Protein backbone atom coordinates (compact mmCIF):
# COMPACT_ATOMS: atom_id res chain seq x y z
CA MET A 1 22.94 1.97 -23.31
CA SER A 2 22.50 1.32 -19.61
CA ARG A 3 24.24 3.51 -16.91
CA ARG A 4 26.54 0.64 -15.92
CA LEU A 5 27.51 -0.28 -19.41
CA LEU A 6 28.39 3.47 -20.01
CA LEU A 7 30.41 3.64 -16.95
CA LEU A 8 32.43 0.39 -17.99
CA ALA A 9 33.01 1.98 -21.33
CA VAL A 10 34.34 5.11 -19.69
CA LEU A 11 36.72 3.07 -17.46
CA VAL A 12 37.97 1.08 -20.39
CA LEU A 13 38.68 4.29 -22.39
CA LEU A 14 40.41 5.86 -19.53
CA ALA A 15 42.64 2.79 -19.03
CA ALA A 16 43.48 2.59 -22.74
CA ALA A 17 44.11 6.29 -23.20
CA PRO A 18 47.85 6.40 -22.59
CA LEU A 19 48.44 3.51 -25.01
CA LEU A 20 46.42 5.22 -27.76
CA LEU A 21 46.95 8.93 -27.56
CA PRO A 22 49.86 11.05 -28.34
CA ASP A 23 51.99 12.67 -25.66
CA PHE A 24 50.21 16.01 -25.92
CA TYR A 25 46.73 14.49 -25.17
CA VAL A 26 48.15 12.31 -22.40
CA THR A 27 49.53 15.40 -20.72
CA LEU A 28 46.08 17.12 -21.23
CA MET A 29 44.32 14.18 -19.73
CA ASN A 30 46.65 14.54 -16.69
CA TYR A 31 45.64 18.20 -16.34
CA ILE A 32 42.04 17.13 -16.55
CA GLY A 33 42.44 14.51 -13.71
CA LEU A 34 44.20 17.06 -11.56
CA ALA A 35 41.41 19.60 -12.15
CA SER A 36 38.69 16.93 -11.58
CA ILE A 37 40.07 16.29 -7.99
CA VAL A 38 39.75 20.02 -7.10
CA THR A 39 36.39 20.34 -8.85
CA LEU A 40 35.03 17.32 -7.06
CA GLY A 41 35.46 19.29 -3.76
CA LEU A 42 33.46 22.09 -5.18
CA VAL A 43 30.85 19.91 -6.35
CA LEU A 44 30.34 18.80 -2.61
CA LEU A 45 30.97 22.19 -1.07
CA THR A 46 29.19 24.57 -3.56
CA GLY A 47 27.05 22.45 -5.72
CA VAL A 48 25.54 20.29 -3.04
CA GLY A 49 26.15 22.19 0.21
CA GLY A 50 25.58 25.64 -1.17
CA LEU A 51 28.70 27.25 0.26
CA THR A 52 30.41 29.01 -2.66
CA SER A 53 34.17 29.19 -2.59
CA PHE A 54 36.45 31.10 -4.93
CA GLY A 55 39.62 29.90 -2.98
CA GLN A 56 40.26 26.22 -3.87
CA ALA A 57 43.24 27.08 -6.00
CA ALA A 58 44.98 28.47 -2.78
CA PHE A 59 44.69 25.01 -1.16
CA VAL A 60 46.23 23.41 -4.27
CA GLY A 61 49.08 25.84 -4.03
CA ILE A 62 49.66 25.33 -0.25
CA SER A 63 50.18 21.57 -0.91
CA ALA A 64 52.19 21.92 -4.03
CA TYR A 65 54.74 24.45 -2.37
CA THR A 66 54.80 22.37 0.78
CA SER A 67 56.00 19.27 -1.04
CA ALA A 68 58.32 21.27 -3.14
CA VAL A 69 60.09 22.88 -0.14
CA LEU A 70 60.25 19.54 1.71
CA THR A 71 61.71 17.55 -1.09
CA THR A 72 64.03 20.13 -2.65
CA ARG A 73 65.35 21.90 0.53
CA TYR A 74 65.24 19.11 3.09
CA GLY A 75 65.60 15.94 1.01
CA ILE A 76 62.36 14.36 2.33
CA SER A 77 60.80 11.56 0.23
CA PRO A 78 57.88 12.83 -1.95
CA TRP A 79 55.64 10.06 -0.46
CA LEU A 80 56.50 11.31 2.91
CA SER A 81 55.66 14.85 1.96
CA LEU A 82 52.07 13.81 1.08
CA PRO A 83 50.95 13.38 4.75
CA ALA A 84 52.82 16.74 5.59
CA CYS A 85 50.71 18.30 2.79
CA LEU A 86 47.42 17.15 4.23
CA LEU A 87 48.38 17.79 7.78
CA LEU A 88 49.25 21.46 7.01
CA THR A 89 46.19 21.99 4.89
CA LEU A 90 43.99 20.65 7.76
CA PRO A 91 44.56 23.47 10.29
CA ILE A 92 44.69 26.15 7.65
CA SER A 93 41.35 25.16 6.12
CA LEU A 94 39.82 24.75 9.68
CA PHE A 95 40.98 28.31 10.49
CA LEU A 96 39.73 29.72 7.16
CA GLY A 97 36.58 27.74 7.54
CA PHE A 98 35.80 29.03 10.85
CA ILE A 99 36.25 32.65 10.02
CA THR A 100 34.53 32.38 6.56
CA LEU A 101 31.66 30.07 7.08
CA ARG A 102 30.11 32.59 9.69
CA LEU A 103 29.45 34.75 6.71
CA SER A 104 26.27 34.51 4.66
CA GLY A 105 24.87 35.62 1.32
CA HIS A 106 27.43 37.43 -1.00
CA TYR A 107 29.73 37.97 1.93
CA LEU A 108 30.78 34.25 1.96
CA PRO A 109 32.13 34.20 -1.65
CA LEU A 110 33.75 37.67 -1.05
CA GLY A 111 35.41 36.29 2.04
CA THR A 112 36.91 33.25 -0.05
CA ILE A 113 38.15 35.82 -2.66
CA ALA A 114 39.87 37.84 0.01
CA TRP A 115 41.99 34.98 1.54
CA GLY A 116 42.42 33.33 -1.74
CA ILE A 117 44.12 36.52 -3.11
CA ALA A 118 46.20 36.94 0.04
CA ILE A 119 47.55 33.41 -0.10
CA TYR A 120 48.43 33.96 -3.85
CA PHE A 121 50.43 37.05 -3.08
CA LEU A 122 51.98 35.21 -0.02
CA PHE A 123 53.31 32.56 -2.55
CA GLY A 124 54.94 35.38 -4.56
CA ASN A 125 56.68 37.22 -1.83
CA LEU A 126 58.27 34.55 0.35
CA GLU A 127 61.90 33.96 -0.21
CA ILE A 128 61.70 30.34 0.97
CA LEU A 129 59.10 29.70 -1.81
CA GLY A 130 61.29 31.40 -4.54
CA LYS A 131 59.06 34.42 -4.96
CA TYR A 132 57.57 34.74 -8.45
CA SER A 133 60.19 32.61 -9.97
CA GLY A 134 59.02 29.53 -8.01
CA ILE A 135 60.86 26.30 -7.22
CA ALA A 136 62.25 23.91 -9.86
CA GLU A 137 63.81 20.46 -10.02
CA ILE A 138 61.21 18.72 -7.77
CA PRO A 139 61.97 15.22 -7.39
CA ARG A 140 59.96 12.58 -9.37
CA LEU A 141 57.74 10.02 -7.71
CA SER A 142 58.88 6.54 -7.87
CA ILE A 143 57.30 3.13 -6.88
CA PHE A 144 59.58 0.23 -5.94
CA GLY A 145 62.38 1.93 -8.02
CA TRP A 146 60.19 2.57 -11.04
CA SER A 147 60.24 6.30 -11.82
CA LEU A 148 57.08 8.18 -12.56
CA GLY A 149 58.81 10.77 -14.43
CA GLY A 150 56.78 11.15 -17.67
CA GLY A 151 53.27 12.04 -18.27
CA ARG A 152 52.33 8.45 -19.33
CA GLN A 153 53.84 7.06 -15.99
CA MET A 154 52.01 9.67 -13.93
CA TYR A 155 48.74 9.21 -15.79
CA TYR A 156 47.59 6.05 -13.96
CA LEU A 157 48.40 7.40 -10.49
CA ILE A 158 46.57 10.62 -11.27
CA TRP A 159 43.52 8.94 -12.58
CA ALA A 160 43.53 6.30 -9.91
CA VAL A 161 43.49 9.08 -7.22
CA THR A 162 40.77 10.84 -9.27
CA LEU A 163 38.45 7.77 -9.53
CA VAL A 164 38.96 6.81 -5.77
CA ALA A 165 38.11 10.41 -4.90
CA LEU A 166 35.07 10.28 -7.16
CA LEU A 167 33.84 6.80 -5.56
CA ALA A 168 34.31 8.19 -2.02
CA ALA A 169 32.36 11.18 -2.86
CA GLY A 170 29.58 9.21 -4.27
CA ASN A 171 29.45 6.95 -1.27
CA LEU A 172 29.37 10.04 1.03
CA LEU A 173 26.39 11.61 -0.71
CA ASP A 174 24.50 8.10 -0.57
CA SER A 175 24.51 8.23 3.21
CA ARG A 176 23.02 9.85 6.31
CA VAL A 177 25.78 12.47 6.27
CA GLY A 178 25.13 12.93 2.60
CA ARG A 179 21.49 13.65 3.18
CA ALA A 180 22.50 16.26 5.87
CA ILE A 181 24.84 17.88 3.32
CA ARG A 182 22.11 18.01 0.60
CA ALA A 183 19.92 19.74 3.24
CA LEU A 184 22.53 22.52 3.88
CA LYS A 185 21.32 24.56 0.82
CA GLY A 186 18.16 26.22 1.90
CA ARG A 187 17.00 23.64 4.48
CA THR A 188 19.10 24.33 7.54
CA THR A 189 16.12 24.97 9.83
CA MET A 190 14.63 21.48 9.09
CA ALA A 191 18.09 19.89 9.25
CA GLN A 192 18.69 21.29 12.75
CA SER A 193 15.28 20.13 13.83
CA PHE A 194 16.14 16.64 13.04
CA GLY A 195 19.49 16.77 14.94
CA VAL A 196 22.18 17.87 12.29
CA ASP A 197 24.80 20.06 13.64
CA THR A 198 24.84 22.31 10.46
CA ASN A 199 27.69 24.55 11.60
CA ARG A 200 30.02 21.45 12.28
CA LEU A 201 28.88 19.90 8.99
CA LYS A 202 29.82 22.98 7.10
CA ILE A 203 33.24 23.02 8.56
CA ILE A 204 33.57 19.31 7.68
CA LEU A 205 32.50 19.90 4.06
CA PHE A 206 34.94 22.83 3.80
CA VAL A 207 37.93 20.79 5.05
CA TYR A 208 36.94 17.83 2.91
CA ALA A 209 37.15 19.95 -0.21
CA ALA A 210 40.35 21.59 0.89
CA LEU A 211 42.05 18.10 1.35
CA LEU A 212 40.88 17.11 -2.00
CA ALA A 213 42.61 20.18 -3.47
CA ALA A 214 45.65 19.46 -1.45
CA MET A 215 45.89 15.95 -2.91
CA SER A 216 45.70 17.56 -6.43
CA GLY A 217 48.38 20.06 -5.43
CA TRP A 218 50.82 17.25 -4.32
CA LEU A 219 50.29 15.32 -7.60
CA TYR A 220 50.63 18.54 -9.56
CA ALA A 221 54.01 19.37 -7.90
CA HIS A 222 55.46 16.08 -8.77
CA PHE A 223 53.95 15.81 -12.17
CA LEU A 224 55.33 19.13 -13.42
CA ARG A 225 58.37 19.15 -11.07
CA TYR A 226 58.11 22.97 -11.05
CA VAL A 227 55.79 25.42 -9.13
CA ASN A 228 55.24 29.09 -9.22
CA PRO A 229 52.25 31.27 -8.06
CA SER A 230 50.52 31.55 -11.46
CA PRO A 231 48.41 28.33 -11.30
CA PHE A 232 47.14 29.14 -7.92
CA SER A 233 45.55 32.63 -8.73
CA LEU A 234 41.84 33.75 -8.34
CA ASN A 235 41.52 33.06 -11.97
CA ALA A 236 42.38 29.34 -11.47
CA SER A 237 39.77 29.12 -8.65
CA ILE A 238 37.16 30.76 -10.97
CA GLU A 239 38.03 28.05 -13.69
CA TYR A 240 37.44 25.27 -11.08
CA LEU A 241 34.18 26.72 -10.26
CA PHE A 242 33.23 26.99 -13.95
CA MET A 243 34.12 23.19 -14.39
CA ALA A 244 31.65 22.31 -11.59
CA VAL A 245 28.81 24.50 -13.13
CA ILE A 246 29.39 23.09 -16.60
CA GLY A 247 29.51 19.50 -15.69
CA GLY A 248 26.70 19.61 -13.17
CA SER A 249 27.42 21.09 -9.74
CA THR A 250 25.22 18.62 -7.87
CA GLN A 251 26.56 15.48 -9.52
CA VAL A 252 29.95 13.93 -8.63
CA TRP A 253 30.59 12.96 -12.37
CA GLY A 254 30.10 16.51 -13.23
CA ALA A 255 33.58 17.21 -11.91
CA ILE A 256 35.19 15.04 -14.56
CA ILE A 257 32.86 16.09 -17.42
CA GLY A 258 33.20 19.95 -16.50
CA ALA A 259 37.09 19.56 -16.22
CA THR A 260 37.28 17.58 -19.47
CA LEU A 261 35.09 20.07 -21.47
CA LEU A 262 36.68 23.30 -20.27
CA THR A 263 40.23 22.01 -20.58
CA MET A 264 39.76 20.58 -24.11
CA LEU A 265 37.75 23.47 -25.36
CA LYS A 266 40.27 25.98 -24.24
CA GLU A 267 43.04 24.11 -25.96
CA TRP A 268 41.12 23.77 -29.22
CA LEU A 269 40.23 27.34 -29.18
CA LYS A 270 43.89 28.22 -28.82
CA ASP A 271 44.64 26.18 -31.78
CA ILE A 272 41.84 27.02 -34.17
CA LEU A 273 41.19 30.80 -33.62
CA PRO A 274 44.57 32.05 -34.85
CA ARG A 275 44.12 30.18 -38.00
CA ILE A 276 40.67 31.71 -38.53
CA THR A 277 41.39 35.31 -37.49
CA ASP A 278 45.03 35.36 -38.68
CA GLN A 279 46.00 37.16 -35.56
CA SER A 280 47.53 36.23 -32.18
CA GLY A 281 45.90 37.13 -28.91
CA ASN A 282 43.72 35.66 -26.10
CA TYR A 283 40.67 35.57 -28.40
CA GLU A 284 39.89 32.10 -27.09
CA ILE A 285 38.85 33.61 -23.73
CA VAL A 286 36.23 35.75 -25.46
CA VAL A 287 34.86 32.81 -27.48
CA PHE A 288 35.08 30.54 -24.56
CA GLY A 289 33.03 32.90 -22.45
CA LEU A 290 30.24 33.36 -25.10
CA LEU A 291 30.01 29.50 -25.49
CA ILE A 292 29.68 29.07 -21.67
CA VAL A 293 26.91 31.60 -21.44
CA LEU A 294 24.99 29.90 -24.40
CA MET A 295 25.60 26.39 -22.85
CA LEU A 296 24.26 27.68 -19.29
CA HIS A 297 21.10 29.02 -21.05
CA ARG A 298 20.35 25.45 -22.55
CA THR A 299 21.61 23.37 -19.56
CA ARG A 300 21.33 25.45 -16.44
CA GLU A 301 21.82 22.40 -14.14
CA GLY A 302 25.03 21.20 -16.04
CA LEU A 303 25.59 18.55 -18.65
CA VAL A 304 25.49 15.51 -16.48
CA PRO A 305 21.94 16.10 -15.28
CA TYR A 306 20.87 16.97 -18.86
CA PHE A 307 22.22 13.64 -20.49
CA SER A 308 21.34 11.63 -17.43
CA ALA A 309 17.67 12.27 -18.08
CA LEU A 310 18.15 10.79 -21.46
CA LEU A 311 19.57 7.56 -20.17
CA PRO A 312 17.04 4.77 -18.98
CA ALA A 313 16.51 5.02 -15.24
CA GLU A 314 17.74 1.98 -13.23
CA LYS A 315 15.30 0.62 -10.73
CA PRO A 316 16.59 1.04 -7.21
CA VAL A 317 16.44 -1.86 -4.65
CA LEU A 318 15.75 -1.39 -0.96
CA ALA A 319 18.45 -3.31 0.91
CA ARG A 320 17.05 -5.65 3.63
CA PRO A 321 18.76 -5.08 6.97
CA THR A 322 20.79 -8.06 8.27
CA THR A 323 20.92 -6.66 11.82
CA PRO A 324 18.28 -6.11 14.50
CA PRO A 325 15.91 -3.02 13.91
CA LEU A 326 16.60 0.29 15.42
CA PRO A 327 15.99 0.45 19.02
CA ALA A 328 12.77 2.32 20.09
CA ARG A 329 12.25 4.77 22.83
CA VAL A 330 10.42 3.77 26.14
CA GLN A 331 7.43 6.07 26.03
CA PRO A 332 6.59 7.81 29.28
CA GLN A 333 3.79 6.78 31.60
CA ARG A 334 0.53 7.74 30.24
CA GLY A 335 -0.96 10.93 31.82
CA GLU A 336 2.28 12.24 33.27
CA PRO A 337 3.37 15.88 32.37
CA LEU A 338 5.50 15.66 29.16
CA LEU A 339 5.76 19.22 27.92
CA GLU A 340 5.12 22.23 30.21
CA VAL A 341 4.98 25.89 28.89
CA GLU A 342 4.93 28.46 31.58
CA GLY A 343 4.59 32.26 30.77
CA ALA A 344 6.36 31.88 27.49
CA THR A 345 6.90 35.23 25.71
CA LYS A 346 8.38 35.96 22.30
CA ARG A 347 8.77 39.47 20.99
CA PHE A 348 9.84 40.74 17.56
CA GLY A 349 10.75 44.33 18.28
CA ALA A 350 7.55 45.90 19.78
CA LEU A 351 5.20 42.97 18.53
CA ALA A 352 4.54 40.22 21.10
CA ALA A 353 3.91 37.13 18.77
CA VAL A 354 3.55 35.09 22.05
CA SER A 355 2.67 36.66 25.36
CA SER A 356 2.73 34.81 28.75
CA LEU A 357 1.54 31.56 27.30
CA SER A 358 1.14 28.57 29.71
CA PHE A 359 -0.22 25.07 28.95
CA GLU A 360 0.92 21.51 29.31
CA VAL A 361 0.92 18.36 27.10
CA ARG A 362 0.41 15.03 28.94
CA ALA A 363 1.90 11.75 27.82
CA GLY A 364 -0.36 9.78 25.65
CA GLU A 365 -2.72 12.47 24.62
CA VAL A 366 -3.54 14.46 21.43
CA LEU A 367 -3.77 18.19 22.31
CA GLY A 368 -5.07 20.72 19.74
CA LEU A 369 -3.60 24.31 19.45
CA ILE A 370 -5.98 26.39 17.58
CA GLY A 371 -6.48 29.97 16.83
CA PRO A 372 -6.87 32.59 13.87
CA ASN A 373 -4.18 33.20 11.43
CA GLY A 374 -1.40 35.35 13.13
CA ALA A 375 -2.42 34.08 16.65
CA GLY A 376 1.12 32.78 17.17
CA LYS A 377 0.83 29.01 16.95
CA SER A 378 3.72 28.43 14.59
CA THR A 379 5.86 30.74 16.77
CA VAL A 380 5.07 28.55 19.83
CA PHE A 381 6.30 25.49 17.78
CA ASN A 382 9.49 27.27 16.99
CA LEU A 383 9.97 28.11 20.73
CA MET A 384 9.37 24.49 21.87
CA THR A 385 11.73 22.94 19.12
CA GLY A 386 14.60 25.45 19.63
CA VAL A 387 14.30 27.37 16.36
CA LEU A 388 13.60 30.61 18.40
CA ALA A 389 14.58 31.58 21.81
CA ALA A 390 11.93 32.76 24.37
CA ASN A 391 12.33 36.22 25.69
CA GLU A 392 10.61 35.22 28.92
CA GLY A 393 9.06 32.15 30.47
CA GLU A 394 10.10 28.43 30.95
CA ILE A 395 9.59 25.43 28.64
CA ARG A 396 10.22 22.03 30.25
CA PHE A 397 10.31 18.66 28.51
CA ARG A 398 10.01 15.76 30.94
CA GLY A 399 10.96 18.11 33.79
CA GLU A 400 14.10 19.45 32.07
CA ARG A 401 14.25 23.15 30.96
CA ILE A 402 14.81 23.37 27.21
CA GLU A 403 14.08 26.91 26.31
CA ASN A 404 17.81 27.70 25.84
CA LEU A 405 18.65 24.51 24.17
CA SER A 406 19.53 24.15 20.46
CA ALA A 407 17.10 22.47 18.01
CA ARG A 408 19.50 19.54 17.74
CA ALA A 409 19.62 18.99 21.56
CA ILE A 410 15.80 19.13 21.72
CA ALA A 411 15.38 16.66 18.88
CA ARG A 412 17.83 14.39 20.64
CA ARG A 413 15.43 14.29 23.70
CA GLY A 414 12.47 13.04 21.67
CA MET A 415 10.63 15.87 20.02
CA ALA A 416 9.87 15.83 16.27
CA ARG A 417 7.89 18.25 14.13
CA THR A 418 6.35 19.02 10.69
CA PHE A 419 6.42 22.49 9.38
CA GLN A 420 3.56 24.94 8.44
CA HIS A 421 5.01 25.24 4.90
CA VAL A 422 6.33 22.01 3.49
CA ASN A 423 10.02 21.78 4.23
CA ILE A 424 11.43 18.81 2.28
CA VAL A 425 14.57 18.49 0.04
CA PRO A 426 13.03 18.53 -3.35
CA SER A 427 16.02 16.86 -5.12
CA MET A 428 16.00 13.64 -2.88
CA THR A 429 13.63 10.79 -3.14
CA VAL A 430 10.72 10.18 -0.99
CA LEU A 431 12.71 7.40 0.89
CA GLU A 432 15.74 9.72 1.42
CA ASN A 433 13.54 12.51 2.84
CA ALA A 434 11.84 10.14 5.22
CA ALA A 435 15.25 8.65 6.31
CA PHE A 436 16.46 12.09 7.10
CA GLY A 437 14.13 11.99 10.16
CA ALA A 438 16.27 9.02 11.55
CA HIS A 439 19.46 11.08 11.50
CA LEU A 440 19.95 10.90 15.16
CA ARG A 441 19.45 7.18 15.13
CA GLY A 442 22.49 6.68 13.11
CA HIS A 443 26.18 7.25 14.01
CA ALA A 444 28.24 6.54 10.89
CA GLY A 445 30.37 9.70 10.08
CA VAL A 446 32.12 11.07 6.94
CA ALA A 447 35.07 8.45 6.81
CA ALA A 448 32.74 5.48 7.32
CA ALA A 449 30.39 6.77 4.56
CA SER A 450 33.14 7.56 2.05
CA LEU A 451 34.64 4.03 2.60
CA ARG A 452 31.05 2.50 2.50
CA LEU A 453 31.43 0.97 5.80
CA ASP A 454 27.97 2.26 6.89
CA ARG A 455 25.92 -0.08 4.72
CA PRO A 456 24.46 -2.05 7.64
CA GLU A 457 23.50 0.91 9.50
CA GLU A 458 22.12 2.67 6.37
CA ALA A 459 20.02 -0.32 5.56
CA LEU A 460 18.36 -0.01 8.95
CA LEU A 461 17.70 3.72 8.60
CA ARG A 462 16.06 3.14 5.10
CA HIS A 463 14.09 0.19 6.33
CA GLU A 464 12.59 2.35 9.08
CA ALA A 465 11.93 4.99 6.54
CA ALA A 466 10.18 2.53 4.17
CA GLN A 467 8.09 1.25 7.11
CA GLN A 468 6.89 4.84 8.19
CA LEU A 469 6.20 5.79 4.57
CA ASP A 470 3.84 2.62 4.43
CA ARG A 471 2.11 3.83 7.51
CA VAL A 472 1.19 7.18 5.74
CA GLY A 473 0.23 5.66 2.44
CA LEU A 474 3.33 6.39 0.39
CA GLY A 475 4.92 2.90 0.23
CA LYS A 476 4.56 2.83 -3.54
CA ASN A 477 6.44 6.24 -3.94
CA LEU A 478 9.76 5.29 -2.26
CA PHE A 479 11.96 5.97 -5.11
CA ASP A 480 10.01 8.96 -6.68
CA GLN A 481 11.59 12.40 -6.44
CA ALA A 482 9.94 14.23 -3.56
CA SER A 483 9.16 17.37 -5.69
CA THR A 484 6.99 15.35 -7.94
CA LEU A 485 4.46 14.59 -5.23
CA PRO A 486 1.37 16.60 -4.73
CA LEU A 487 1.19 18.99 -1.86
CA GLY A 488 -0.91 16.52 0.24
CA SER A 489 1.55 13.78 -0.27
CA GLN A 490 4.33 15.96 0.60
CA ARG A 491 2.76 16.79 3.97
CA MET A 492 2.25 13.10 4.72
CA LEU A 493 6.01 12.67 3.76
CA GLU A 494 6.77 15.14 6.41
CA VAL A 495 4.75 13.17 8.83
CA ALA A 496 6.69 10.02 8.09
CA ARG A 497 9.78 11.79 8.34
CA ALA A 498 8.99 12.95 11.98
CA LEU A 499 7.94 9.52 12.90
CA CYS A 500 11.33 8.16 11.68
CA ALA A 501 12.74 10.12 14.77
CA ASP A 502 10.92 7.93 17.05
CA PRO A 503 9.35 10.90 19.00
CA MET A 504 7.86 10.97 22.41
CA LEU A 505 6.11 14.06 21.34
CA LEU A 506 5.13 14.68 17.83
CA LEU A 507 4.26 18.25 16.72
CA LEU A 508 2.01 18.47 13.64
CA ASP A 509 1.77 22.07 12.08
CA GLU A 510 -1.44 22.14 9.94
CA PRO A 511 -0.87 18.56 8.49
CA ALA A 512 -4.29 18.34 6.97
CA ALA A 513 -3.80 21.39 4.74
CA GLY A 514 -3.96 20.31 1.15
CA LEU A 515 -5.27 16.69 1.95
CA ARG A 516 -8.39 15.29 0.33
CA TYR A 517 -11.21 13.95 2.58
CA LEU A 518 -10.03 10.37 2.55
CA GLU A 519 -6.43 11.44 3.17
CA LYS A 520 -7.53 13.35 6.20
CA GLN A 521 -9.42 10.28 7.45
CA ALA A 522 -6.27 8.19 7.03
CA LEU A 523 -4.26 10.87 8.91
CA ALA A 524 -6.67 10.90 11.73
CA ASP A 525 -6.57 7.11 12.01
CA LEU A 526 -2.69 7.40 12.15
CA VAL A 527 -2.77 10.00 14.97
CA ARG A 528 -5.25 7.65 16.91
CA ARG A 529 -2.81 4.70 16.49
CA LEU A 530 0.09 6.77 17.75
CA ARG A 531 -1.99 7.75 20.71
CA GLU A 532 -2.63 4.11 21.47
CA GLU A 533 1.05 3.47 21.11
CA GLY A 534 1.92 6.03 23.65
CA VAL A 535 3.18 8.75 21.54
CA SER A 536 1.93 12.30 22.48
CA VAL A 537 0.79 14.67 19.73
CA LEU A 538 0.48 18.44 19.61
CA LEU A 539 -1.71 19.52 16.78
CA VAL A 540 -2.01 22.89 15.00
CA GLU A 541 -4.85 22.87 12.51
CA HIS A 542 -7.45 25.19 11.04
CA ASP A 543 -9.99 22.36 9.91
CA MET A 544 -12.13 22.34 12.91
CA GLU A 545 -14.15 19.22 11.97
CA PHE A 546 -10.80 17.24 11.74
CA VAL A 547 -9.65 18.69 15.11
CA MET A 548 -12.89 18.28 17.11
CA GLY A 549 -13.13 14.63 16.26
CA LEU A 550 -9.61 13.87 17.07
CA VAL A 551 -8.07 15.65 20.01
CA ASP A 552 -8.56 15.09 23.79
CA ARG A 553 -8.09 18.72 24.80
CA ILE A 554 -7.79 21.96 23.07
CA VAL A 555 -5.79 25.17 23.79
CA VAL A 556 -7.12 28.39 21.89
CA MET A 557 -4.82 31.14 21.24
CA ASN A 558 -5.70 34.72 20.06
CA PHE A 559 -3.14 37.66 19.53
CA GLY A 560 -0.47 35.59 21.06
CA GLU A 561 -2.27 34.89 24.30
CA LYS A 562 -4.24 31.79 25.65
CA LEU A 563 -7.95 32.44 25.30
CA ALA A 564 -9.26 29.25 26.45
CA GLU A 565 -8.54 25.57 27.37
CA GLY A 566 -10.72 22.59 27.70
CA SER A 567 -12.35 19.62 26.00
CA PRO A 568 -13.67 19.92 22.41
CA ARG A 569 -17.20 20.23 23.74
CA GLU A 570 -16.13 23.03 26.31
CA ILE A 571 -14.25 24.88 23.54
CA GLN A 572 -17.21 24.66 21.10
CA ASN A 573 -19.61 26.10 23.71
CA ASN A 574 -17.13 28.83 24.93
CA PRO A 575 -18.74 32.23 23.91
CA ALA A 576 -15.31 33.86 23.71
CA VAL A 577 -13.92 31.30 21.30
CA VAL A 578 -17.00 31.37 19.18
CA GLU A 579 -16.72 35.10 18.85
CA ALA A 580 -13.00 35.20 18.15
CA TYR A 581 -12.66 32.11 15.96
CA LEU A 582 -15.25 29.28 15.54
CA GLY A 583 -18.20 31.35 14.49
CA SER A 584 -20.99 29.24 13.16
CA VAL A 585 -19.07 25.96 13.64
CA ALA A 586 -20.38 25.97 17.26
């Protein structure tokens, strides 16, 4: 069965469920839909973005209580309470995001636990919220006079919201913003180097997940017509996280699968275990925990990725752009100073990784930066691209000082790089990784991506990525998963990604490492073509045969300082360089 037929079958079953199932199971399906909406936010936030949160139930509660108070105490229409729920959740989630997302490691989830518990006890102690007794007699929803008072009537509204949220999340991940979100987990330096404002994106993602939880809370309040603090405790947040992990924390469909399995399994165990043990008690929690541990041993990535691998893969199609191509930069006049480094120094404690280094890169040239391992070459790259801040000295790009600018600001000015150690997003395709380099050449945001209004721009970005992949010899691997490429091809993928940024200055950090002879020749030909097009290249490389036949000038570093500078012939005949680095190559 193809993926599309399977999806169609699922939609038909969802539509027919209230007509075929008894009331108990319809109610259970409503709970599954409500949980799926919250879990979907965790899939984006935790599974894809790598930001673990144990506080999502608190946002469900904030929304549920807001609607309950407004409709019972002030007589406001439930439909008018919905924007109020979202508008209240927005500033609260912004505030909590700002104070929480500054934390890293285990401190981040601990921070979410702290405010999640605090909000739970706030629900139980405020008089206006009914303390632990809660609020009852919440009005029913109605549409054009038709009351949605029962489970069967609410079913279609709950699942319509669930499926729309699922579609929007899928659209979001299949966009330039989605690629940036997928890079948040362990690839922040790379993302910043290509213009992603990672701090802002984390806040946006946190708020997005909170608003999904708020939507679920509003539906919950008018489905049950009663709220009290119990469903919004830390235990509920942990269950939502379990749902994401069980279903597949990196897949949007994992939210529904995880919510379905966990909800159904708990109910079945509650019914079956007392019959088996002849005793009452919460034994289902014990059995459930053991089953989850066994399941995670077999399917660590969750059920959706496990079963997706068993289905036939659908061949993707590269959409052709219908608008003019992306505008290209005007390259500076050949020979003019492009990058100037004057007295740059970087210390790590008492160690000076770079000391009083000065050199310049001229427009339209290929400059080699060589030196033994540990000479400070990659540190120089990090200083020039804003990954590290210099302790002393000045760095100018086209006459503008950039040593105190962020990596994002420097990338916007026309500098792109590769990395000493391959830095790609393994779970994305080759095409998606390359398109990441064109992040700053697109403008569509979260709303446009979720509504799929970004398709014309996305087609341009992907077309650009495909063209650059053709240039580096990866045109046949567009839809392969990047992690399946050999090391040499992954390095060429990094070059294509950097070219997608349309740079004035291309920084290549050991690009020939891991390449075979013919691949090195192809890379050298590419660099020469770039030079002819006016693109300047700063090359760090240990393969001296590759460097000497390619560059116009060479700067030699040793122990963080400049040892020599000149043409390849001058460097080969420099006794100090021969002694320190080249040896018998000279």
